Amino acid sequence: MKKAILLAALLAMASFASAHFELFEENLSLGQQKDLIHNDADPWKGLITLNVTNTGSDPWGDFHFQISGTGAFFSEEGTTTNIPGAIWTVTPNTVDFYFYSNPVGQGQSASFTVYTNNPNWLSFFTLCVTPTPVPEPATIALLGLGGLALIRRK
C-alpha cells in the first residue's frame, strides 16, 4: 500500500514538473530569425529547451531569445546551454547567450534552455530566436585600423 501511494505521488510530481516543459528542434542558418509558438498551460511557468543545428556556412558566436506576448517574461532560473564556456544575460524580454571562444560551426548543434514565467495565463506566446556570426578577422582588423586612424588624426 505504501509503495502504491509513493508511486502515485512520484507520478503526480513528474507530471507537474513536465507540465510546462517544451522541446523545440530547429535548423537555422546565420541571421535566420525563427518564431516559435509556445503553447502554455498550468502552472504557467517552467523550462523551454531549443535544440538547434547550424545549417549555414558561417559559425555562430552568440544566440538570442526574445519573448513577445503581453505579460510573459524570462527568468534566470534554469537558464543554461550545453556550450562549454558560454555566458548569458537575462532580462525580462531577452536571453542572450555568448560563446565566441567556442563557436557553433556548420553542421554542429547546440542546446539552449530558458525559463519563462507567464503570470497572465496566456494560452500561447511567441519566442523569437536568432543566431549571430563570429566576426571575421578582416572585419575586426579594419575596425582596429579605423580606430587607430581616428586616434592619430587627433
C-alpha atoms as a PDB file:
ATOM      1  CA  MET A   1       0.000   0.000   0.000  1.00  0.00           C
ATOM      2  CA  LYS A   2       2.783   2.432   0.918  1.00  0.00           C
ATOM      3  CA  LYS A   3       4.561   1.605  -2.353  1.00  0.00           C
ATOM      4  CA  ALA A   4       1.395   2.356  -4.338  1.00  0.00           C
ATOM      5  CA  ILE A   5       0.943   5.722  -2.598  1.00  0.00           C
ATOM      6  CA  LEU A   6       4.618   6.585  -3.120  1.00  0.00           C
ATOM      7  CA  LEU A   7       4.389   5.627  -6.810  1.00  0.00           C
ATOM      8  CA  ALA A   8       1.239   7.720  -7.253  1.00  0.00           C
ATOM      9  CA  ALA A   9       2.932  10.695  -5.568  1.00  0.00           C
ATOM     10  CA  LEU A  10       6.026  10.355  -7.779  1.00  0.00           C
ATOM     11  CA  LEU A  11       3.876  10.174 -10.930  1.00  0.00           C
ATOM     12  CA  ALA A  12       1.920  13.242  -9.856  1.00  0.00           C
ATOM     13  CA  MET A  13       5.140  15.164  -9.207  1.00  0.00           C
ATOM     14  CA  ALA A  14       6.601  14.049 -12.534  1.00  0.00           C
ATOM     15  CA  SER A  15       3.506  15.166 -14.453  1.00  0.00           C
ATOM     16  CA  PHE A  16       3.527  18.513 -12.626  1.00  0.00           C
ATOM     17  CA  ALA A  17       7.225  19.064 -13.294  1.00  0.00           C
ATOM     18  CA  SER A  18       6.815  18.360 -17.007  1.00  0.00           C
ATOM     19  CA  ALA A  19       3.537  20.261 -17.416  1.00  0.00           C
ATOM     20  CA  HIS A  20       5.341  23.293 -18.795  1.00  0.00           C
ATOM     21  CA  PHE A  21       8.426  21.706 -20.322  1.00  0.00           C
ATOM     22  CA  GLU A  22       8.552  22.083 -24.091  1.00  0.00           C
ATOM     23  CA  LEU A  23      11.234  20.928 -26.515  1.00  0.00           C
ATOM     24  CA  PHE A  24      11.846  22.504 -29.914  1.00  0.00           C
ATOM     25  CA  GLU A  25      14.118  21.066 -32.623  1.00  0.00           C
ATOM     26  CA  GLU A  26      15.132  23.549 -35.351  1.00  0.00           C
ATOM     27  CA  ASN A  27      17.657  24.046 -38.151  1.00  0.00           C
ATOM     28  CA  LEU A  28      18.847  27.631 -38.600  1.00  0.00           C
ATOM     29  CA  SER A  29      21.348  29.415 -40.789  1.00  0.00           C
ATOM     30  CA  LEU A  30      23.120  32.635 -39.885  1.00  0.00           C
ATOM     31  CA  GLY A  31      20.843  35.616 -39.410  1.00  0.00           C
ATOM     32  CA  GLN A  32      17.733  33.488 -39.880  1.00  0.00           C
ATOM     33  CA  GLN A  33      15.137  34.530 -37.354  1.00  0.00           C
ATOM     34  CA  LYS A  34      12.669  31.880 -36.256  1.00  0.00           C
ATOM     35  CA  ASP A  35       9.436  32.433 -34.345  1.00  0.00           C
ATOM     36  CA  LEU A  36       8.465  29.537 -32.072  1.00  0.00           C
ATOM     37  CA  ILE A  37       4.912  29.378 -30.734  1.00  0.00           C
ATOM     38  CA  HIS A  38       4.977  28.140 -27.142  1.00  0.00           C
ATOM     39  CA  ASN A  39       1.669  26.601 -26.037  1.00  0.00           C
ATOM     40  CA  ASP A  40       1.463  27.201 -22.321  1.00  0.00           C
ATOM     41  CA  ALA A  41      -0.601  25.621 -19.565  1.00  0.00           C
ATOM     42  CA  ASP A  42      -0.855  25.406 -15.799  1.00  0.00           C
ATOM     43  CA  PRO A  43       1.481  26.040 -13.846  1.00  0.00           C
ATOM     44  CA  TRP A  44       2.248  28.834 -16.389  1.00  0.00           C
ATOM     45  CA  LYS A  45       5.991  28.791 -15.817  1.00  0.00           C
ATOM     46  CA  GLY A  46       8.865  26.450 -16.485  1.00  0.00           C
ATOM     47  CA  LEU A  47      11.587  25.390 -18.889  1.00  0.00           C
ATOM     48  CA  ILE A  48      11.719  25.542 -22.672  1.00  0.00           C
ATOM     49  CA  THR A  49      14.597  23.806 -24.465  1.00  0.00           C
ATOM     50  CA  LEU A  50      15.683  24.529 -28.027  1.00  0.00           C
ATOM     51  CA  ASN A  51      17.985  22.064 -29.792  1.00  0.00           C
ATOM     52  CA  VAL A  52      19.282  23.822 -32.887  1.00  0.00           C
ATOM     53  CA  THR A  53      21.640  22.863 -35.725  1.00  0.00           C
ATOM     54  CA  ASN A  54      23.684  25.375 -37.728  1.00  0.00           C
ATOM     55  CA  THR A  55      22.783  24.705 -41.378  1.00  0.00           C
ATOM     56  CA  GLY A  56      24.676  27.750 -42.672  1.00  0.00           C
ATOM     57  CA  SER A  57      28.315  28.101 -43.642  1.00  0.00           C
ATOM     58  CA  ASP A  58      29.250  30.719 -41.009  1.00  0.00           C
ATOM     59  CA  PRO A  59      29.891  29.921 -37.330  1.00  0.00           C
ATOM     60  CA  TRP A  60      27.670  31.406 -34.612  1.00  0.00           C
ATOM     61  CA  GLY A  61      29.222  33.396 -31.769  1.00  0.00           C
ATOM     62  CA  ASP A  62      26.022  34.178 -29.908  1.00  0.00           C
ATOM     63  CA  PHE A  63      22.351  33.227 -29.819  1.00  0.00           C
ATOM     64  CA  HIS A  64      19.352  35.317 -28.762  1.00  0.00           C
ATOM     65  CA  PHE A  65      15.869  34.641 -27.434  1.00  0.00           C
ATOM     66  CA  GLN A  66      13.221  37.355 -27.393  1.00  0.00           C
ATOM     67  CA  ILE A  67       9.776  36.923 -25.909  1.00  0.00           C
ATOM     68  CA  SER A  68       6.686  38.575 -27.261  1.00  0.00           C
ATOM     69  CA  GLY A  69       3.300  38.302 -25.673  1.00  0.00           C
ATOM     70  CA  THR A  70       1.803  40.500 -23.044  1.00  0.00           C
ATOM     71  CA  GLY A  71       2.925  39.572 -19.570  1.00  0.00           C
ATOM     72  CA  ALA A  72       5.215  36.573 -20.183  1.00  0.00           C
ATOM     73  CA  PHE A  73       8.864  37.037 -19.204  1.00  0.00           C
ATOM     74  CA  PHE A  74      12.206  35.243 -18.794  1.00  0.00           C
ATOM     75  CA  SER A  75      13.910  34.392 -15.524  1.00  0.00           C
ATOM     76  CA  GLU A  76      17.498  33.339 -14.686  1.00  0.00           C
ATOM     77  CA  GLU A  77      16.278  30.136 -13.005  1.00  0.00           C
ATOM     78  CA  GLY A  78      17.255  27.071 -15.049  1.00  0.00           C
ATOM     79  CA  THR A  79      18.705  29.063 -17.967  1.00  0.00           C
ATOM     80  CA  THR A  80      21.624  27.125 -19.456  1.00  0.00           C
ATOM     81  CA  THR A  81      23.336  25.812 -22.595  1.00  0.00           C
ATOM     82  CA  ASN A  82      25.479  22.813 -23.464  1.00  0.00           C
ATOM     83  CA  ILE A  83      28.208  25.032 -24.992  1.00  0.00           C
ATOM     84  CA  PRO A  84      31.312  24.996 -22.745  1.00  0.00           C
ATOM     85  CA  GLY A  85      32.435  28.443 -21.595  1.00  0.00           C
ATOM     86  CA  ALA A  86      29.242  30.206 -22.704  1.00  0.00           C
ATOM     87  CA  ILE A  87      27.892  33.117 -20.691  1.00  0.00           C
ATOM     88  CA  TRP A  88      24.420  34.633 -20.813  1.00  0.00           C
ATOM     89  CA  THR A  89      22.453  37.644 -19.752  1.00  0.00           C
ATOM     90  CA  VAL A  90      18.768  37.583 -18.843  1.00  0.00           C
ATOM     91  CA  THR A  91      16.322  40.487 -18.919  1.00  0.00           C
ATOM     92  CA  PRO A  92      12.536  40.181 -18.702  1.00  0.00           C
ATOM     93  CA  ASN A  93      12.191  40.158 -22.506  1.00  0.00           C
ATOM     94  CA  THR A  94      15.506  38.679 -23.723  1.00  0.00           C
ATOM     95  CA  VAL A  95      18.065  35.983 -23.045  1.00  0.00           C
ATOM     96  CA  ASP A  96      21.401  36.433 -24.826  1.00  0.00           C
ATOM     97  CA  PHE A  97      23.977  33.614 -24.949  1.00  0.00           C
ATOM     98  CA  TYR A  98      27.616  34.452 -25.864  1.00  0.00           C
ATOM     99  CA  PHE A  99      30.170  31.786 -26.834  1.00  0.00           C
ATOM    100  CA  TYR A 100      32.762  33.388 -29.137  1.00  0.00           C
ATOM    101  CA  SER A 101      35.551  31.245 -27.655  1.00  0.00           C
ATOM    102  CA  ASN A 102      33.653  28.085 -28.656  1.00  0.00           C
ATOM    103  CA  PRO A 103      31.519  28.919 -31.735  1.00  0.00           C
ATOM    104  CA  VAL A 104      28.888  26.612 -33.250  1.00  0.00           C
ATOM    105  CA  GLY A 105      30.173  25.725 -36.726  1.00  0.00           C
ATOM    106  CA  GLN A 106      28.460  24.432 -39.841  1.00  0.00           C
ATOM    107  CA  GLY A 107      26.568  21.217 -39.130  1.00  0.00           C
ATOM    108  CA  GLN A 108      27.114  21.479 -35.365  1.00  0.00           C
ATOM    109  CA  SER A 109      24.268  21.502 -32.861  1.00  0.00           C
ATOM    110  CA  ALA A 110      23.675  23.313 -29.587  1.00  0.00           C
ATOM    111  CA  SER A 111      21.059  23.173 -26.870  1.00  0.00           C
ATOM    112  CA  PHE A 112      19.634  26.188 -25.027  1.00  0.00           C
ATOM    113  CA  THR A 113      17.243  26.083 -22.073  1.00  0.00           C
ATOM    114  CA  VAL A 114      15.360  29.150 -20.870  1.00  0.00           C
ATOM    115  CA  TYR A 115      12.912  29.617 -18.017  1.00  0.00           C
ATOM    116  CA  THR A 116       9.688  31.510 -18.646  1.00  0.00           C
ATOM    117  CA  ASN A 117       7.012  32.842 -16.334  1.00  0.00           C
ATOM    118  CA  ASN A 118       3.515  33.568 -17.601  1.00  0.00           C
ATOM    119  CA  PRO A 119       1.563  35.185 -14.726  1.00  0.00           C
ATOM    120  CA  ASN A 120      -1.231  36.403 -17.045  1.00  0.00           C
ATOM    121  CA  TRP A 121      -2.009  32.803 -18.091  1.00  0.00           C
ATOM    122  CA  LEU A 122      -1.591  33.332 -21.815  1.00  0.00           C
ATOM    123  CA  SER A 123      -2.504  30.167 -23.711  1.00  0.00           C
ATOM    124  CA  PHE A 124       0.481  30.776 -26.004  1.00  0.00           C
ATOM    125  CA  PHE A 125       3.227  33.292 -26.666  1.00  0.00           C
ATOM    126  CA  THR A 126       5.977  33.676 -29.224  1.00  0.00           C
ATOM    127  CA  LEU A 127       9.714  33.184 -28.782  1.00  0.00           C
ATOM    128  CA  CYS A 128      11.884  34.742 -31.471  1.00  0.00           C
ATOM    129  CA  VAL A 129      15.297  33.063 -31.757  1.00  0.00           C
ATOM    130  CA  THR A 130      18.280  34.352 -33.760  1.00  0.00           C
ATOM    131  CA  PRO A 131      21.918  33.243 -34.131  1.00  0.00           C
ATOM    132  CA  THR A 132      24.607  35.835 -34.956  1.00  0.00           C
ATOM    133  CA  PRO A 133      28.048  35.312 -36.506  1.00  0.00           C
ATOM    134  CA  VAL A 134      31.545  35.234 -35.190  1.00  0.00           C
ATOM    135  CA  PRO A 135      33.135  38.431 -36.578  1.00  0.00           C
ATOM    136  CA  GLU A 136      35.603  37.789 -39.384  1.00  0.00           C
ATOM    137  CA  PRO A 137      39.239  38.625 -38.569  1.00  0.00           C
ATOM    138  CA  ALA A 138      39.361  41.017 -41.555  1.00  0.00           C
ATOM    139  CA  THR A 139      36.395  42.982 -40.214  1.00  0.00           C
ATOM    140  CA  ILE A 140      37.999  43.285 -36.788  1.00  0.00           C
ATOM    141  CA  ALA A 141      41.286  44.412 -38.403  1.00  0.00           C
ATOM    142  CA  LEU A 142      39.505  47.098 -40.448  1.00  0.00           C
ATOM    143  CA  LEU A 143      37.706  48.394 -37.363  1.00  0.00           C
ATOM    144  CA  GLY A 144      41.019  48.493 -35.479  1.00  0.00           C
ATOM    145  CA  LEU A 145      42.759  50.382 -38.296  1.00  0.00           C
ATOM    146  CA  GLY A 146      39.888  52.860 -38.429  1.00  0.00           C
ATOM    147  CA  GLY A 147      40.206  53.418 -34.694  1.00  0.00           C
ATOM    148  CA  LEU A 148      43.961  53.969 -34.988  1.00  0.00           C
ATOM    149  CA  ALA A 149      43.398  56.457 -37.802  1.00  0.00           C
ATOM    150  CA  LEU A 150      40.955  58.416 -35.641  1.00  0.00           C
ATOM    151  CA  ILE A 151      43.421  58.453 -32.719  1.00  0.00           C
ATOM    152  CA  ARG A 152      46.263  59.570 -34.975  1.00  0.00           C
ATOM    153  CA  ARG A 153      44.093  62.315 -36.514  1.00  0.00           C
ATOM    154  CA  LYS A 154      43.513  63.838 -33.079  1.00  0.00           C
END
